[in-house]
């Protein structure tokens, strides 16, 4: 019995190349355009919003607290003094701000509910 035919591979098996990787490349492209690119765009918009905050802006925190910015603390202004009421102020981290009051969606501040 001749074993050369078993290990030699066939004459028709040379058509792999780029066509073998085409489904994988298409899946990666679809993931990029449907998932990664929109998320990067949202992160860029939020970063720009956080960098352009100024005194007097009405904001909502991630926890759902509404207030207006009355000042900043720290060398790099990473802490925000949030005026909630006439006599109530609190200091929060700049990254805890979900967005400006008129531009925040309810899903940005909605708590995750756990079923029991």
PDB file of N, CA and C in Angstrom:
ATOM      1  N   UNK A   1       0.849  -1.173   0.000  1.00  0.00           N
ATOM      2  CA  UNK A   1       0.000   0.000   0.000  1.00  0.00           C
ATOM      3  C   UNK A   1       0.897   1.240   0.000  1.00  0.00           C
ATOM      4  N   UNK A   2       0.541   2.200  -0.783  1.00  0.00           N
ATOM      5  CA  UNK A   2       1.365   3.385  -0.937  1.00  0.00           C
ATOM      6  C   UNK A   2       0.802   4.506  -0.057  1.00  0.00           C
ATOM      7  N   UNK A   3       1.581   4.982   0.954  1.00  0.00           N
ATOM      8  CA  UNK A   3       1.129   6.003   1.887  1.00  0.00           C
ATOM      9  C   UNK A   3       1.376   7.418   1.383  1.00  0.00           C
ATOM     10  N   UNK A   4       2.042   7.573   0.281  1.00  0.00           N
ATOM     11  CA  UNK A   4       2.300   8.906  -0.260  1.00  0.00           C
ATOM     12  C   UNK A   4       1.008   9.632  -0.614  1.00  0.00           C
ATOM     13  N   UNK A   5       0.009   8.922  -1.062  1.00  0.00           N
ATOM     14  CA  UNK A   5      -1.252   9.552  -1.435  1.00  0.00           C
ATOM     15  C   UNK A   5      -2.030  10.048  -0.214  1.00  0.00           C
ATOM     16  N   UNK A   6      -1.820   9.441   0.930  1.00  0.00           N
ATOM     17  CA  UNK A   6      -2.528   9.851   2.138  1.00  0.00           C
ATOM     18  C   UNK A   6      -2.020  11.176   2.684  1.00  0.00           C
ATOM     19  N   UNK A   7      -0.722  11.397   2.604  1.00  0.00           N
ATOM     20  CA  UNK A   7      -0.128  12.595   3.194  1.00  0.00           C
ATOM     21  C   UNK A   7       0.139  13.703   2.183  1.00  0.00           C
ATOM     22  N   UNK A   8      -0.014  13.460   0.940  1.00  0.00           N
ATOM     23  CA  UNK A   8       0.353  14.423  -0.092  1.00  0.00           C
ATOM     24  C   UNK A   8      -0.667  15.542  -0.225  1.00  0.00           C
ATOM     25  N   UNK A   9      -1.875  15.351   0.218  1.00  0.00           N
ATOM     26  CA  UNK A   9      -2.898  16.354  -0.001  1.00  0.00           C
ATOM     27  C   UNK A   9      -3.369  16.233  -1.430  1.00  0.00           C
ATOM     28  N   UNK A  10      -4.463  16.802  -1.744  1.00  0.00           N
ATOM     29  CA  UNK A  10      -4.982  16.648  -3.097  1.00  0.00           C
ATOM     30  C   UNK A  10      -4.554  17.784  -3.999  1.00  0.00           C
ATOM     31  N   UNK A  11      -4.782  17.610  -5.244  1.00  0.00           N
ATOM     32  CA  UNK A  11      -4.491  18.653  -6.219  1.00  0.00           C
ATOM     33  C   UNK A  11      -5.461  19.821  -6.044  1.00  0.00           C
ATOM     34  N   UNK A  12      -6.689  19.584  -5.591  1.00  0.00           N
ATOM     35  CA  UNK A  12      -7.706  20.627  -5.477  1.00  0.00           C
ATOM     36  C   UNK A  12      -7.675  21.390  -4.161  1.00  0.00           C
ATOM     37  N   UNK A  13      -6.770  21.106  -3.261  1.00  0.00           N
ATOM     38  CA  UNK A  13      -6.774  21.757  -1.949  1.00  0.00           C
ATOM     39  C   UNK A  13      -5.916  23.012  -1.902  1.00  0.00           C
ATOM     40  N   UNK A  14      -5.542  23.594  -3.010  1.00  0.00           N
ATOM     41  CA  UNK A  14      -4.701  24.789  -3.033  1.00  0.00           C
ATOM     42  C   UNK A  14      -5.517  26.066  -3.159  1.00  0.00           C
ATOM     43  N   UNK A  15      -6.835  26.013  -3.053  1.00  0.00           N
ATOM     44  CA  UNK A  15      -7.671  27.191  -3.268  1.00  0.00           C
ATOM     45  C   UNK A  15      -7.987  27.950  -1.976  1.00  0.00           C
ATOM     46  N   UNK A  16      -7.214  27.814  -0.914  1.00  0.00           N
ATOM     47  CA  UNK A  16      -7.466  28.487   0.358  1.00  0.00           C
ATOM     48  C   UNK A  16      -7.188  29.970   0.265  1.00  0.00           C
ATOM     49  N   UNK A  17      -6.033  30.385   0.690  1.00  0.00           N
ATOM     50  CA  UNK A  17      -5.605  31.776   0.583  1.00  0.00           C
ATOM     51  C   UNK A  17      -6.489  32.735   1.341  1.00  0.00           C
ATOM     52  N   UNK A  18      -6.754  33.853   0.719  1.00  0.00           N
ATOM     53  CA  UNK A  18      -7.538  34.924   1.333  1.00  0.00           C
ATOM     54  C   UNK A  18      -9.003  34.531   1.496  1.00  0.00           C
ATOM     55  N   UNK A  19      -9.513  33.705   0.629  1.00  0.00           N
ATOM     56  CA  UNK A  19     -10.923  33.313   0.699  1.00  0.00           C
ATOM     57  C   UNK A  19     -11.231  32.530   1.974  1.00  0.00           C
ATOM     58  N   UNK A  20     -10.257  31.884   2.553  1.00  0.00           N
ATOM     59  CA  UNK A  20     -10.476  31.143   3.791  1.00  0.00           C
ATOM     60  C   UNK A  20     -10.677  32.097   4.970  1.00  0.00           C
ATOM     61  N   UNK A  21     -10.070  33.272   4.895  1.00  0.00           N
ATOM     62  CA  UNK A  21     -10.164  34.241   5.980  1.00  0.00           C
ATOM     63  C   UNK A  21     -11.261  35.272   5.760  1.00  0.00           C
ATOM     64  N   UNK A  22     -11.910  35.262   4.620  1.00  0.00           N
ATOM     65  CA  UNK A  22     -12.923  36.254   4.291  1.00  0.00           C
ATOM     66  C   UNK A  22     -14.091  36.299   5.293  1.00  0.00           C
ATOM     67  N   UNK A  23     -14.664  35.188   5.726  1.00  0.00           N
ATOM     68  CA  UNK A  23     -15.753  35.272   6.726  1.00  0.00           C
ATOM     69  C   UNK A  23     -15.300  35.902   8.038  1.00  0.00           C
ATOM     70  N   UNK A  24     -14.105  35.580   8.473  1.00  0.00           N
ATOM     71  CA  UNK A  24     -13.590  36.151   9.710  1.00  0.00           C
ATOM     72  C   UNK A  24     -13.380  37.664   9.572  1.00  0.00           C
ATOM     73  N   UNK A  25     -12.860  38.096   8.453  1.00  0.00           N
ATOM     74  CA  UNK A  25     -12.638  39.520   8.203  1.00  0.00           C
ATOM     75  C   UNK A  25     -13.969  40.261   8.136  1.00  0.00           C
ATOM     76  N   UNK A  26     -14.969  39.653   7.509  1.00  0.00           N
ATOM     77  CA  UNK A  26     -16.296  40.279   7.441  1.00  0.00           C
ATOM     78  C   UNK A  26     -16.937  40.407   8.816  1.00  0.00           C
ATOM     79  N   UNK A  27     -16.799  39.406   9.653  1.00  0.00           N
ATOM     80  CA  UNK A  27     -17.348  39.469  11.012  1.00  0.00           C
ATOM     81  C   UNK A  27     -16.671  40.575  11.806  1.00  0.00           C
ATOM     82  N   UNK A  28     -15.360  40.709  11.704  1.00  0.00           N
ATOM     83  CA  UNK A  28     -14.644  41.782  12.405  1.00  0.00           C
ATOM     84  C   UNK A  28     -15.081  43.155  11.909  1.00  0.00           C
ATOM     85  N   UNK A  29     -15.279  43.297  10.611  1.00  0.00           N
ATOM     86  CA  UNK A  29     -15.717  44.581  10.060  1.00  0.00           C
ATOM     87  C   UNK A  29     -17.114  44.939  10.560  1.00  0.00           C
ATOM     88  N   UNK A  30     -18.005  43.973  10.595  1.00  0.00           N
ATOM     89  CA  UNK A  30     -19.360  44.219  11.091  1.00  0.00           C
ATOM     90  C   UNK A  30     -19.325  44.599  12.570  1.00  0.00           C
ATOM     91  N   UNK A  31     -18.522  43.905  13.367  1.00  0.00           N
ATOM     92  CA  UNK A  31     -18.399  44.241  14.791  1.00  0.00           C
ATOM     93  C   UNK A  31     -17.864  45.651  14.975  1.00  0.00           C
ATOM     94  N   UNK A  32     -16.901  46.040  14.154  1.00  0.00           N
ATOM     95  CA  UNK A  32     -16.330  47.379  14.271  1.00  0.00           C
ATOM     96  C   UNK A  32     -17.388  48.439  13.998  1.00  0.00           C
ATOM     97  N   UNK A  33     -18.130  48.307  12.902  1.00  0.00           N
ATOM     98  CA  UNK A  33     -19.090  49.338  12.529  1.00  0.00           C
ATOM     99  C   UNK A  33     -20.354  49.331  13.381  1.00  0.00           C
ATOM    100  N   UNK A  34     -20.724  48.200  13.972  1.00  0.00           N
ATOM    101  CA  UNK A  34     -21.943  48.150  14.765  1.00  0.00           C
ATOM    102  C   UNK A  34     -21.713  48.323  16.257  1.00  0.00           C
ATOM    103  N   UNK A  35     -20.507  48.017  16.753  1.00  0.00           N
ATOM    104  CA  UNK A  35     -20.281  48.053  18.202  1.00  0.00           C
ATOM    105  C   UNK A  35     -19.161  48.996  18.612  1.00  0.00           C
ATOM    106  N   UNK A  36     -17.994  48.835  18.058  1.00  0.00           N
ATOM    107  CA  UNK A  36     -16.828  49.552  18.548  1.00  0.00           C
ATOM    108  C   UNK A  36     -16.859  51.029  18.159  1.00  0.00           C
ATOM    109  N   UNK A  37     -17.166  51.324  16.909  1.00  0.00           N
ATOM    110  CA  UNK A  37     -17.154  52.702  16.437  1.00  0.00           C
ATOM    111  C   UNK A  37     -18.196  53.577  17.146  1.00  0.00           C
ATOM    112  N   UNK A  38     -19.467  53.139  17.299  1.00  0.00           N
ATOM    113  CA  UNK A  38     -20.429  53.978  18.022  1.00  0.00           C
ATOM    114  C   UNK A  38     -20.046  54.206  19.487  1.00  0.00           C
ATOM    115  N   UNK A  39     -19.488  53.183  20.138  1.00  0.00           N
ATOM    116  CA  UNK A  39     -19.084  53.342  21.533  1.00  0.00           C
ATOM    117  C   UNK A  39     -17.948  54.351  21.643  1.00  0.00           C
ATOM    118  N   UNK A  40     -16.995  54.312  20.745  1.00  0.00           N
ATOM    119  CA  UNK A  40     -15.887  55.268  20.770  1.00  0.00           C
ATOM    120  C   UNK A  40     -16.402  56.686  20.525  1.00  0.00           C
ATOM    121  N   UNK A  41     -17.391  56.816  19.668  1.00  0.00           N
ATOM    122  CA  UNK A  41     -17.980  58.131  19.394  1.00  0.00           C
ATOM    123  C   UNK A  41     -18.676  58.689  20.635  1.00  0.00           C
ATOM    124  N   UNK A  42     -19.438  57.835  21.343  1.00  0.00           N
ATOM    125  CA  UNK A  42     -20.104  58.280  22.574  1.00  0.00           C
ATOM    126  C   UNK A  42     -19.084  58.680  23.638  1.00  0.00           C
ATOM    127  N   UNK A  43     -17.993  57.908  23.770  1.00  0.00           N
ATOM    128  CA  UNK A  43     -16.968  58.245  24.748  1.00  0.00           C
ATOM    129  C   UNK A  43     -16.309  59.573  24.421  1.00  0.00           C
ATOM    130  N   UNK A  44     -16.067  59.834  23.158  1.00  0.00           N
ATOM    131  CA  UNK A  44     -15.452  61.095  22.745  1.00  0.00           C
ATOM    132  C   UNK A  44     -16.381  62.269  23.043  1.00  0.00           C
ATOM    133  N   UNK A  45     -17.687  62.107  22.755  1.00  0.00           N
ATOM    134  CA  UNK A  45     -18.659  63.162  23.048  1.00  0.00           C
ATOM    135  C   UNK A  45     -18.740  63.450  24.546  1.00  0.00           C
ATOM    136  N   UNK A  46     -18.731  62.384  25.369  1.00  0.00           N
ATOM    137  CA  UNK A  46     -18.806  62.583  26.822  1.00  0.00           C
ATOM    138  C   UNK A  46     -17.545  63.259  27.339  1.00  0.00           C
ATOM    139  N   UNK A  47     -16.384  62.879  26.822  1.00  0.00           N
ATOM    140  CA  UNK A  47     -15.135  63.509  27.241  1.00  0.00           C
ATOM    141  C   UNK A  47     -15.138  65.000  26.899  1.00  0.00           C
ATOM    142  N   UNK A  48     -15.607  65.337  25.696  1.00  0.00           N
ATOM    143  CA  UNK A  48     -15.702  66.748  25.316  1.00  0.00           C
ATOM    144  C   UNK A  48     -16.666  67.503  26.219  1.00  0.00           C
ATOM    145  N   UNK A  49     -17.807  66.870  26.554  1.00  0.00           N
ATOM    146  CA  UNK A  49     -18.782  67.513  27.434  1.00  0.00           C
ATOM    147  C   UNK A  49     -18.185  67.762  28.815  1.00  0.00           C
ATOM    148  N   UNK A  50     -17.466  66.776  29.355  1.00  0.00           N
ATOM    149  CA  UNK A  50     -16.867  66.937  30.681  1.00  0.00           C
ATOM    150  C   UNK A  50     -15.784  68.006  30.680  1.00  0.00           C
ATOM    151  N   UNK A  51     -15.047  68.133  29.593  1.00  0.00           N
ATOM    152  CA  UNK A  51     -13.988  69.142  29.518  1.00  0.00           C
ATOM    153  C   UNK A  51     -14.533  70.553  29.334  1.00  0.00           C
ATOM    154  N   UNK A  52     -15.738  70.684  28.796  1.00  0.00           N
ATOM    155  CA  UNK A  52     -16.302  72.015  28.560  1.00  0.00           C
ATOM    156  C   UNK A  52     -17.299  72.443  29.633  1.00  0.00           C
ATOM    157  N   UNK A  53     -17.382  71.725  30.737  1.00  0.00           N
ATOM    158  CA  UNK A  53     -18.275  72.137  31.814  1.00  0.00           C
ATOM    159  C   UNK A  53     -17.821  73.481  32.361  1.00  0.00           C
ATOM    160  N   UNK A  54     -18.793  74.298  32.703  1.00  0.00           N
ATOM    161  CA  UNK A  54     -18.462  75.605  33.269  1.00  0.00           C
ATOM    162  C   UNK A  54     -19.417  75.922  34.419  1.00  0.00           C
ATOM    163  N   UNK A  55     -19.062  76.951  35.148  1.00  0.00           N
ATOM    164  CA  UNK A  55     -19.858  77.370  36.297  1.00  0.00           C
ATOM    165  C   UNK A  55     -21.251  77.789  35.817  1.00  0.00           C
ATOM    166  N   UNK A  56     -22.280  77.286  36.518  1.00  0.00           N
ATOM    167  CA  UNK A  56     -23.659  77.615  36.181  1.00  0.00           C
ATOM    168  C   UNK A  56     -24.362  76.578  35.321  1.00  0.00           C
ATOM    169  N   UNK A  57     -23.644  75.592  34.813  1.00  0.00           N
ATOM    170  CA  UNK A  57     -24.272  74.541  34.009  1.00  0.00           C
ATOM    171  C   UNK A  57     -25.160  73.664  34.889  1.00  0.00           C
ATOM    172  N   UNK A  58     -26.353  73.350  34.403  1.00  0.00           N
ATOM    173  CA  UNK A  58     -27.243  72.428  35.105  1.00  0.00           C
ATOM    174  C   UNK A  58     -26.924  71.022  34.634  1.00  0.00           C
ATOM    175  N   UNK A  59     -26.594  70.140  35.591  1.00  0.00           N
ATOM    176  CA  UNK A  59     -26.163  68.790  35.257  1.00  0.00           C
ATOM    177  C   UNK A  59     -26.940  67.754  36.050  1.00  0.00           C
ATOM    178  N   UNK A  60     -26.830  66.509  35.596  1.00  0.00           N
ATOM    179  CA  UNK A  60     -27.366  65.353  36.307  1.00  0.00           C
ATOM    180  C   UNK A  60     -26.203  64.404  36.536  1.00  0.00           C
ATOM    181  N   UNK A  61     -26.090  63.878  37.740  1.00  0.00           N
ATOM    182  CA  UNK A  61     -25.039  62.914  38.029  1.00  0.00           C
ATOM    183  C   UNK A  61     -25.485  61.520  37.613  1.00  0.00           C
ATOM    184  N   UNK A  62     -24.553  60.598  37.631  1.00  0.00           N
ATOM    185  CA  UNK A  62     -24.868  59.219  37.295  1.00  0.00           C
ATOM    186  C   UNK A  62     -25.883  58.647  38.284  1.00  0.00           C
ATOM    187  N   UNK A  63     -25.850  59.124  39.515  1.00  0.00           N
ATOM    188  CA  UNK A  63     -26.784  58.667  40.537  1.00  0.00           C
ATOM    189  C   UNK A  63     -28.149  59.315  40.448  1.00  0.00           C
ATOM    190  N   UNK A  64     -28.336  60.280  39.529  1.00  0.00           N
ATOM    191  CA  UNK A  64     -29.634  60.909  39.347  1.00  0.00           C
ATOM    192  C   UNK A  64     -29.825  62.195  40.111  1.00  0.00           C
ATOM    193  N   UNK A  65     -28.777  62.765  40.674  1.00  0.00           N
ATOM    194  CA  UNK A  65     -28.882  64.018  41.427  1.00  0.00           C
ATOM    195  C   UNK A  65     -28.811  65.186  40.450  1.00  0.00           C
ATOM    196  N   UNK A  66     -29.782  66.082  40.550  1.00  0.00           N
ATOM    197  CA  UNK A  66     -29.823  67.273  39.707  1.00  0.00           C
ATOM    198  C   UNK A  66     -29.208  68.433  40.476  1.00  0.00           C
ATOM    199  N   UNK A  67     -28.456  69.273  39.797  1.00  0.00           N
ATOM    200  CA  UNK A  67     -27.876  70.441  40.435  1.00  0.00           C
ATOM    201  C   UNK A  67     -27.175  71.310  39.411  1.00  0.00           C
ATOM    202  N   UNK A  68     -26.637  72.411  39.911  1.00  0.00           N
ATOM    203  CA  UNK A  68     -25.884  73.305  39.035  1.00  0.00           C
ATOM    204  C   UNK A  68     -24.461  73.416  39.568  1.00  0.00           C
ATOM    205  N   UNK A  69     -23.528  73.589  38.669  1.00  0.00           N
ATOM    206  CA  UNK A  69     -22.115  73.665  39.036  1.00  0.00           C
ATOM    207  C   UNK A  69     -21.842  75.044  39.608  1.00  0.00           C
ATOM    208  N   UNK A  70     -21.293  75.057  40.838  1.00  0.00           N
ATOM    209  CA  UNK A  70     -20.962  76.338  41.456  1.00  0.00           C
ATOM    210  C   UNK A  70     -19.461  76.564  41.543  1.00  0.00           C
ATOM    211  N   UNK A  71     -18.672  75.598  41.150  1.00  0.00           N
ATOM    212  CA  UNK A  71     -17.226  75.783  41.155  1.00  0.00           C
ATOM    213  C   UNK A  71     -16.493  74.473  40.952  1.00  0.00           C
ATOM    214  N   UNK A  72     -15.160  74.580  40.944  1.00  0.00           N
ATOM    215  CA  UNK A  72     -14.294  73.422  40.755  1.00  0.00           C
ATOM    216  C   UNK A  72     -13.242  73.395  41.848  1.00  0.00           C
ATOM    217  N   UNK A  73     -12.727  72.206  42.157  1.00  0.00           N
ATOM    218  CA  UNK A  73     -11.689  72.045  43.175  1.00  0.00           C
ATOM    219  C   UNK A  73     -10.512  71.290  42.588  1.00  0.00           C
ATOM    220  N   UNK A  74      -9.359  71.482  43.180  1.00  0.00           N
ATOM    221  CA  UNK A  74      -8.180  70.718  42.794  1.00  0.00           C
ATOM    222  C   UNK A  74      -7.348  71.414  41.740  1.00  0.00           C
ATOM    223  N   UNK A  75      -6.130  70.917  41.595  1.00  0.00           N
ATOM    224  CA  UNK A  75      -5.210  71.501  40.615  1.00  0.00           C
ATOM    225  C   UNK A  75      -5.709  71.313  39.188  1.00  0.00           C
ATOM    226  N   UNK A  76      -6.183  70.129  38.898  1.00  0.00           N
ATOM    227  CA  UNK A  76      -6.645  69.831  37.545  1.00  0.00           C
ATOM    228  C   UNK A  76      -8.156  69.972  37.401  1.00  0.00           C
ATOM    229  N   UNK A  77      -8.794  70.513  38.402  1.00  0.00           N
ATOM    230  CA  UNK A  77     -10.252  70.724  38.416  1.00  0.00           C
ATOM    231  C   UNK A  77     -11.011  69.425  38.183  1.00  0.00           C
ATOM    232  N   UNK A  78     -10.576  68.351  38.841  1.00  0.00           N
ATOM    233  CA  UNK A  78     -11.260  67.062  38.693  1.00  0.00           C
ATOM    234  C   UNK A  78     -12.469  66.947  39.602  1.00  0.00           C
ATOM    235  N   UNK A  79     -12.532  67.761  40.636  1.00  0.00           N
ATOM    236  CA  UNK A  79     -13.679  67.746  41.539  1.00  0.00           C
ATOM    237  C   UNK A  79     -14.589  68.922  41.206  1.00  0.00           C
ATOM    238  N   UNK A  80     -15.888  68.672  41.273  1.00  0.00           N
ATOM    239  CA  UNK A  80     -16.887  69.684  40.945  1.00  0.00           C
ATOM    240  C   UNK A  80     -17.726  69.948  42.180  1.00  0.00           C
ATOM    241  N   UNK A  81     -17.946  71.213  42.485  1.00  0.00           N
ATOM    242  CA  UNK A  81     -18.852  71.575  43.573  1.00  0.00           C
ATOM    243  C   UNK A  81     -20.231  71.745  42.954  1.00  0.00           C
ATOM    244  N   UNK A  82     -21.140  70.885  43.367  1.00  0.00           N
ATOM    245  CA  UNK A  82     -22.480  70.845  42.796  1.00  0.00           C
ATOM    246  C   UNK A  82     -23.462  71.442  43.793  1.00  0.00           C
ATOM    247  N   UNK A  83     -24.139  72.507  43.391  1.00  0.00           N
ATOM    248  CA  UNK A  83     -25.135  73.141  44.247  1.00  0.00           C
ATOM    249  C   UNK A  83     -26.480  72.490  43.952  1.00  0.00           C
ATOM    250  N   UNK A  84     -27.017  71.829  44.985  1.00  0.00           N
ATOM    251  CA  UNK A  84     -28.250  71.070  44.817  1.00  0.00           C
ATOM    252  C   UNK A  84     -29.466  71.891  45.224  1.00  0.00           C
ATOM    253  N   UNK A  85     -29.312  72.611  46.306  1.00  0.00           N
ATOM    254  CA  UNK A  85     -30.397  73.406  46.862  1.00  0.00           C
ATOM    255  C   UNK A  85     -29.817  74.727  47.338  1.00  0.00           C
ATOM    256  N   UNK A  86     -30.668  75.558  47.905  1.00  0.00           N
ATOM    257  CA  UNK A  86     -30.224  76.877  48.362  1.00  0.00           C
ATOM    258  C   UNK A  86     -29.076  76.771  49.363  1.00  0.00           C
ATOM    259  N   UNK A  87     -29.171  75.818  50.286  1.00  0.00           N
ATOM    260  CA  UNK A  87     -28.155  75.672  51.329  1.00  0.00           C
ATOM    261  C   UNK A  87     -27.367  74.372  51.223  1.00  0.00           C
ATOM    262  N   UNK A  88     -27.522  73.645  50.141  1.00  0.00           N
ATOM    263  CA  UNK A  88     -26.894  72.336  50.034  1.00  0.00           C
ATOM    264  C   UNK A  88     -25.950  72.284  48.837  1.00  0.00           C
ATOM    265  N   UNK A  89     -24.699  71.948  49.139  1.00  0.00           N
ATOM    266  CA  UNK A  89     -23.706  71.744  48.089  1.00  0.00           C
ATOM    267  C   UNK A  89     -22.975  70.442  48.368  1.00  0.00           C
ATOM    268  N   UNK A  90     -22.482  69.830  47.334  1.00  0.00           N
ATOM    269  CA  UNK A  90     -21.680  68.630  47.514  1.00  0.00           C
ATOM    270  C   UNK A  90     -20.554  68.629  46.496  1.00  0.00           C
ATOM    271  N   UNK A  91     -19.481  67.954  46.860  1.00  0.00           N
ATOM    272  CA  UNK A  91     -18.336  67.832  45.971  1.00  0.00           C
ATOM    273  C   UNK A  91     -18.351  66.437  45.364  1.00  0.00           C
ATOM    274  N   UNK A  92     -18.302  66.395  44.047  1.00  0.00           N
ATOM    275  CA  UNK A  92     -18.301  65.117  43.346  1.00  0.00           C
ATOM    276  C   UNK A  92     -17.160  65.100  42.341  1.00  0.00           C
ATOM    277  N   UNK A  93     -16.836  63.924  41.897  1.00  0.00           N
ATOM    278  CA  UNK A  93     -15.823  63.769  40.865  1.00  0.00           C
ATOM    279  C   UNK A  93     -16.433  64.167  39.515  1.00  0.00           C
ATOM    280  N   UNK A  94     -15.628  64.773  38.660  1.00  0.00           N
ATOM    281  CA  UNK A  94     -16.114  65.221  37.353  1.00  0.00           C
ATOM    282  C   UNK A  94     -16.655  64.043  36.530  1.00  0.00           C
ATOM    283  N   UNK A  95     -16.067  62.878  36.681  1.00  0.00           N
ATOM    284  CA  UNK A  95     -16.505  61.709  35.903  1.00  0.00           C
ATOM    285  C   UNK A  95     -17.853  61.162  36.373  1.00  0.00           C
ATOM    286  N   UNK A  96     -18.374  61.629  37.507  1.00  0.00           N
ATOM    287  CA  UNK A  96     -19.669  61.173  38.008  1.00  0.00           C
ATOM    288  C   UNK A  96     -20.828  61.949  37.387  1.00  0.00           C
ATOM    289  N   UNK A  97     -20.538  62.847  36.478  1.00  0.00           N
ATOM    290  CA  UNK A  97     -21.586  63.617  35.819  1.00  0.00           C
ATOM    291  C   UNK A  97     -22.037  62.866  34.572  1.00  0.00           C
ATOM    292  N   UNK A  98     -23.355  62.604  34.497  1.00  0.00           N
ATOM    293  CA  UNK A  98     -23.903  61.891  33.340  1.00  0.00           C
ATOM    294  C   UNK A  98     -24.038  62.823  32.144  1.00  0.00           C
ATOM    295  N   UNK A  99     -24.370  64.082  32.391  1.00  0.00           N
ATOM    296  CA  UNK A  99     -24.500  65.027  31.287  1.00  0.00           C
ATOM    297  C   UNK A  99     -25.246  66.268  31.702  1.00  0.00           C
ATOM    298  N   UNK A 100     -25.446  67.138  30.743  1.00  0.00           N
ATOM    299  CA  UNK A 100     -26.217  68.344  30.981  1.00  0.00           C
ATOM    300  C   UNK A 100     -27.694  67.979  31.095  1.00  0.00           C
ATOM    301  N   UNK A 101     -28.446  68.758  31.861  1.00  0.00           N
ATOM    302  CA  UNK A 101     -29.832  68.424  32.182  1.00  0.00           C
ATOM    303  C   UNK A 101     -30.687  68.211  30.946  1.00  0.00           C
ATOM    304  N   UNK A 102     -30.567  69.054  29.956  1.00  0.00           N
ATOM    305  CA  UNK A 102     -31.443  68.938  28.790  1.00  0.00           C
ATOM    306  C   UNK A 102     -30.996  67.879  27.795  1.00  0.00           C
ATOM    307  N   UNK A 103     -29.801  67.304  27.963  1.00  0.00           N
ATOM    308  CA  UNK A 103     -29.290  66.347  26.980  1.00  0.00           C
ATOM    309  C   UNK A 103     -29.133  64.927  27.515  1.00  0.00           C
ATOM    310  N   UNK A 104     -29.510  64.661  28.758  1.00  0.00           N
ATOM    311  CA  UNK A 104     -29.330  63.337  29.347  1.00  0.00           C
ATOM    312  C   UNK A 104     -30.546  62.472  29.069  1.00  0.00           C
ATOM    313  N   UNK A 105     -30.298  61.253  28.629  1.00  0.00           N
ATOM    314  CA  UNK A 105     -31.371  60.280  28.428  1.00  0.00           C
ATOM    315  C   UNK A 105     -31.632  59.576  29.756  1.00  0.00           C
ATOM    316  N   UNK A 106     -32.826  59.045  29.908  1.00  0.00           N
ATOM    317  CA  UNK A 106     -33.175  58.357  31.147  1.00  0.00           C
ATOM    318  C   UNK A 106     -32.321  57.112  31.352  1.00  0.00           C
ATOM    319  N   UNK A 107     -31.893  56.484  30.286  1.00  0.00           N
ATOM    320  CA  UNK A 107     -31.088  55.262  30.405  1.00  0.00           C
ATOM    321  C   UNK A 107     -29.693  55.549  30.966  1.00  0.00           C
ATOM    322  N   UNK A 108     -29.215  56.806  30.868  1.00  0.00           N
ATOM    323  CA  UNK A 108     -27.897  57.145  31.393  1.00  0.00           C
ATOM    324  C   UNK A 108     -27.868  57.178  32.918  1.00  0.00           C
ATOM    325  N   UNK A 109     -29.013  57.445  33.539  1.00  0.00           N
ATOM    326  CA  UNK A 109     -29.067  57.536  34.989  1.00  0.00           C
ATOM    327  C   UNK A 109     -29.901  56.437  35.624  1.00  0.00           C
ATOM    328  N   UNK A 110     -30.405  55.524  34.826  1.00  0.00           N
ATOM    329  CA  UNK A 110     -31.277  54.474  35.338  1.00  0.00           C
ATOM    330  C   UNK A 110     -30.475  53.431  36.101  1.00  0.00           C
ATOM    331  N   UNK A 111     -30.987  53.063  37.263  1.00  0.00           N
ATOM    332  CA  UNK A 111     -30.329  52.062  38.084  1.00  0.00           C
ATOM    333  C   UNK A 111     -30.597  50.665  37.535  1.00  0.00           C
ATOM    334  N   UNK A 112     -29.679  49.785  37.800  1.00  0.00           N
ATOM    335  CA  UNK A 112     -29.849  48.387  37.390  1.00  0.00           C
ATOM    336  C   UNK A 112     -30.679  47.692  38.451  1.00  0.00           C
ATOM    337  N   UNK A 113     -31.808  47.134  38.041  1.00  0.00           N
ATOM    338  CA  UNK A 113     -32.693  46.471  38.978  1.00  0.00           C
ATOM    339  C   UNK A 113     -32.410  44.985  39.000  1.00  0.00           C
ATOM    340  N   UNK A 114     -32.344  44.430  40.195  1.00  0.00           N
ATOM    341  CA  UNK A 114     -32.065  43.016  40.374  1.00  0.00           C
ATOM    342  C   UNK A 114     -33.353  42.321  40.773  1.00  0.00           C
ATOM    343  N   UNK A 115     -33.713  41.267  40.022  1.00  0.00           N
ATOM    344  CA  UNK A 115     -34.915  40.520  40.358  1.00  0.00           C
ATOM    345  C   UNK A 115     -34.616  39.564  41.485  1.00  0.00           C
ATOM    346  N   UNK A 116     -35.563  39.415  42.388  1.00  0.00           N
ATOM    347  CA  UNK A 116     -35.366  38.525  43.531  1.00  0.00           C
ATOM    348  C   UNK A 116     -36.262  37.324  43.434  1.00  0.00           C
TER     349      UNK A 116
END
